[in-house]
Protein backbone atom coordinates (compact mmCIF):
# COMPACT_ATOMS: atom_id res chain seq x y z
CA MET A 1 -7.32 -10.26 -9.36
CA LEU A 2 -10.29 -8.06 -9.87
CA LYS A 3 -13.72 -9.41 -9.06
CA GLY A 4 -15.28 -10.93 -12.12
CA ASP A 5 -11.90 -11.72 -13.64
CA THR A 6 -12.13 -15.35 -14.77
CA VAL A 7 -8.42 -15.87 -15.39
CA LEU A 8 -6.91 -18.46 -13.08
CA ASN A 9 -4.33 -17.12 -10.68
CA PHE A 10 -1.36 -19.36 -11.48
CA SER A 11 2.18 -18.42 -10.67
CA ARG A 12 4.36 -16.88 -13.36
CA GLU A 13 6.29 -20.14 -13.74
CA TYR A 14 3.19 -21.97 -14.99
CA TYR A 15 2.56 -19.28 -17.59
CA PHE A 16 6.19 -19.38 -18.67
CA PHE A 17 6.28 -23.17 -19.06
CA GLY A 18 2.89 -23.12 -20.78
CA ALA A 19 4.21 -20.59 -23.27
CA LEU A 20 7.30 -22.73 -23.90
CA LEU A 21 5.13 -25.80 -24.41
CA MET A 22 2.88 -23.98 -26.86
CA LEU A 23 5.89 -22.59 -28.72
CA ALA A 24 7.34 -26.09 -29.03
CA GLY A 25 3.96 -27.37 -30.22
CA SER A 26 3.74 -24.59 -32.79
CA VAL A 27 7.17 -25.43 -34.17
CA PHE A 28 6.26 -29.14 -34.26
CA PHE A 29 3.01 -28.51 -36.13
CA VAL A 30 4.75 -26.24 -38.66
CA TRP A 31 7.22 -29.06 -39.25
CA LEU A 32 4.28 -31.45 -39.82
CA LYS A 33 2.51 -28.79 -41.96
CA HIS A 34 -0.68 -28.90 -39.85
CA TRP A 35 -1.59 -25.23 -40.15
CA VAL A 36 -4.80 -25.37 -38.13
CA LEU A 37 -3.05 -27.00 -35.18
CA PHE A 38 -0.20 -24.52 -35.60
CA ALA A 39 -2.69 -21.64 -35.38
CA CYS A 40 -4.21 -23.10 -32.20
CA CYS A 41 -0.81 -23.54 -30.56
CA ALA A 42 0.35 -20.11 -31.68
CA GLY A 43 -2.81 -18.54 -30.22
CA ALA A 44 -2.30 -20.41 -26.95
CA PHE A 45 1.33 -19.28 -26.94
CA VAL A 46 0.25 -15.65 -27.26
CA LEU A 47 -2.32 -16.15 -24.48
CA PHE A 48 0.29 -17.64 -22.15
CA VAL A 49 2.74 -14.82 -22.89
CA VAL A 50 0.06 -12.22 -22.17
CA MET A 51 -0.87 -13.95 -18.91
CA PHE A 52 2.81 -14.20 -17.93
CA VAL A 53 3.31 -10.47 -18.50
CA LYS A 54 0.05 -9.66 -16.70
CA SER A 55 1.04 -11.71 -13.64
CA TYR A 56 4.52 -10.17 -13.67
CA VAL A 57 3.09 -6.64 -13.70
CA LYS A 58 0.68 -7.56 -10.91
CA ALA A 59 3.52 -8.95 -8.82
CA LYS A 60 5.53 -5.76 -9.33
CA LYS A 61 2.58 -3.67 -8.17
CA GLU A 62 2.14 -5.86 -5.13
CA ALA A 63 5.81 -5.81 -4.25
CA LYS A 64 6.62 -6.41 -0.64
CA HIS A 65 5.96 -3.39 1.47
CA SER A 66 8.36 -2.39 4.18
CA ASN A 67 7.77 -3.50 7.76
CA ALA A 68 7.01 0.08 8.77
CA PHE A 69 4.29 0.31 6.11
CA LYS A 70 2.74 -2.95 7.31
CA GLN A 71 2.95 -1.90 10.95
CA ILE A 72 1.19 1.43 10.34
CA LYS A 73 -1.61 -0.30 8.43
CA LEU A 74 -1.88 -3.09 11.02
CA ILE A 75 -2.02 -0.83 14.05
CA ALA A 76 -4.49 1.51 12.37
CA THR A 77 -6.89 -1.24 11.28
CA ASP A 78 -6.80 -3.42 14.39
CA GLY A 79 -8.64 -1.68 17.23
CA GLN A 80 -7.12 -3.85 19.95
CA ARG A 81 -3.58 -3.11 18.77
CA ARG A 82 -4.41 0.60 18.61
CA ALA A 83 -5.42 0.46 22.26
CA TYR A 84 -2.05 -0.90 23.38
CA GLN A 85 0.42 0.43 20.82
CA THR A 86 1.29 3.90 19.68
CA PHE A 87 2.66 5.46 16.55
CA TYR A 88 6.23 6.67 16.84
CA PRO A 89 7.48 9.34 14.40
CA SER A 90 10.57 7.22 13.70
CA LEU A 91 8.23 4.64 12.15
CA LEU A 92 8.05 6.79 9.01
CA ASP A 93 11.84 6.59 8.62
CA GLY A 94 11.43 2.94 7.65
CA ILE A 95 9.09 3.70 4.76
CA GLU A 96 10.53 3.11 1.28
CA ASP A 97 10.42 5.99 -1.21
CA TRP A 98 8.10 4.15 -3.61
CA GLU A 99 5.46 3.58 -0.90
CA ARG A 100 5.75 6.92 0.88
CA GLU A 101 3.02 8.73 -1.05
CA GLU A 102 0.52 5.93 -0.43
CA ILE A 103 1.17 5.76 3.30
CA GLU A 104 1.13 9.55 3.68
CA ASP A 105 -2.26 9.69 1.95
CA TYR A 106 -3.47 6.93 4.27
CA ILE A 107 -2.24 8.71 7.42
CA TRP A 108 -3.71 12.02 6.27
CA GLU A 109 -7.12 10.50 5.52
CA CYS A 110 -7.18 8.59 8.80
CA PHE A 111 -6.28 11.63 10.88
CA ASN A 112 -8.70 13.93 9.10
CA SER A 113 -11.54 11.43 9.46
CA GLY A 114 -11.52 12.29 13.16
CA HIS A 115 -11.24 8.71 14.37
CA TYR A 116 -7.47 8.30 14.34
CA TRP A 117 -6.14 11.08 16.54
CA ASP A 118 -3.52 8.67 17.82
CA MET A 119 -1.77 9.07 14.44
CA ALA A 120 -0.89 12.63 15.44
CA PRO A 121 2.80 11.80 16.15
CA LEU A 122 3.25 10.85 12.49
CA LEU A 123 1.93 14.12 11.05
CA PRO A 124 5.05 16.31 11.48
CA LYS A 125 7.07 13.82 9.42
CA LEU A 126 4.75 14.01 6.40
CA THR A 127 6.34 15.56 3.33
CA LYS A 128 3.27 15.75 1.10
CA TYR A 129 1.05 17.50 3.65
CA ASP A 130 1.53 20.19 6.28
CA GLY A 131 1.11 18.04 9.37
CA ILE A 132 1.96 20.76 11.87
CA ASP A 133 -0.78 23.00 10.50
CA ALA A 134 -3.24 20.10 10.73
CA LEU A 135 -2.22 19.55 14.37
CA LYS A 136 -2.73 23.23 15.15
CA LYS A 137 -6.18 23.13 13.57
CA GLY A 138 -6.97 19.94 15.48
CA TYR A 139 -5.81 21.54 18.71
CA SER A 140 -7.94 24.64 18.24
CA SER A 141 -11.02 22.82 16.94
CA ALA A 142 -11.20 20.16 19.67
CA GLY A 143 -14.26 20.71 21.81
CA ILE A 144 -14.40 20.93 25.56
CA ASP A 145 -15.45 17.28 25.85
CA GLU A 146 -12.56 16.24 23.61
CA ASP A 147 -9.66 16.93 25.96
CA TRP A 148 -7.83 13.80 24.87
CA LYS A 149 -7.78 15.05 21.26
CA ARG A 150 -6.51 18.42 22.36
CA GLY A 151 -3.94 16.71 24.59
CA GLU A 152 -2.71 14.47 21.78
CA CYS A 153 -2.21 17.43 19.45
CA ALA A 154 -0.63 19.55 22.19
CA TRP A 155 1.81 16.80 23.15
CA VAL A 156 3.03 16.40 19.56
CA LEU A 157 3.12 20.15 18.88
CA TYR A 158 5.17 20.80 22.03
CA ARG A 159 7.65 18.07 21.09
CA VAL A 160 8.03 19.40 17.55
CA THR A 161 7.88 23.18 18.03
CA GLY A 162 8.89 23.62 21.66
CA ASP A 163 6.19 26.30 21.98
CA GLU A 164 5.19 26.72 25.63
CA GLN A 165 1.56 27.28 24.57
CA TYR A 166 1.30 23.53 23.92
CA LYS A 167 3.07 22.33 27.06
CA ILE A 168 0.98 19.85 28.99
């Protein structure tokens, strides 16, 4: 739910049963020829149907992400995990097609922010961006006091390209 959205966050089942109840009430009030009550029930029925569809669309958007997607996000956002775990290129093989663009954008932004050089092993597997070129730029732009950045890029570049220039 967006901030400021006053709609209660019920499950889709509640909206569905509410819509059925309002539909039954509408039919009952038509049978009794109470048109005002029918209009109220019909309006509530429409509201429940709209809320059901809205919650269904939201659930589709928030579909379960793959374990690889969750692991990349978790390791990247938790500093303590980043200190003890590493990113393996095979991690991107577990990404589903529908979430690949989002995670590639995330990896690209993290790496280019300059704070997530440990994501370097994931860059060669990116399809949307040229990760090898980014590693080469990172290798050449790392300063003298940033040997660990240069080493991270060199290690990945040597594994991917086999170029002796990057051998550590």
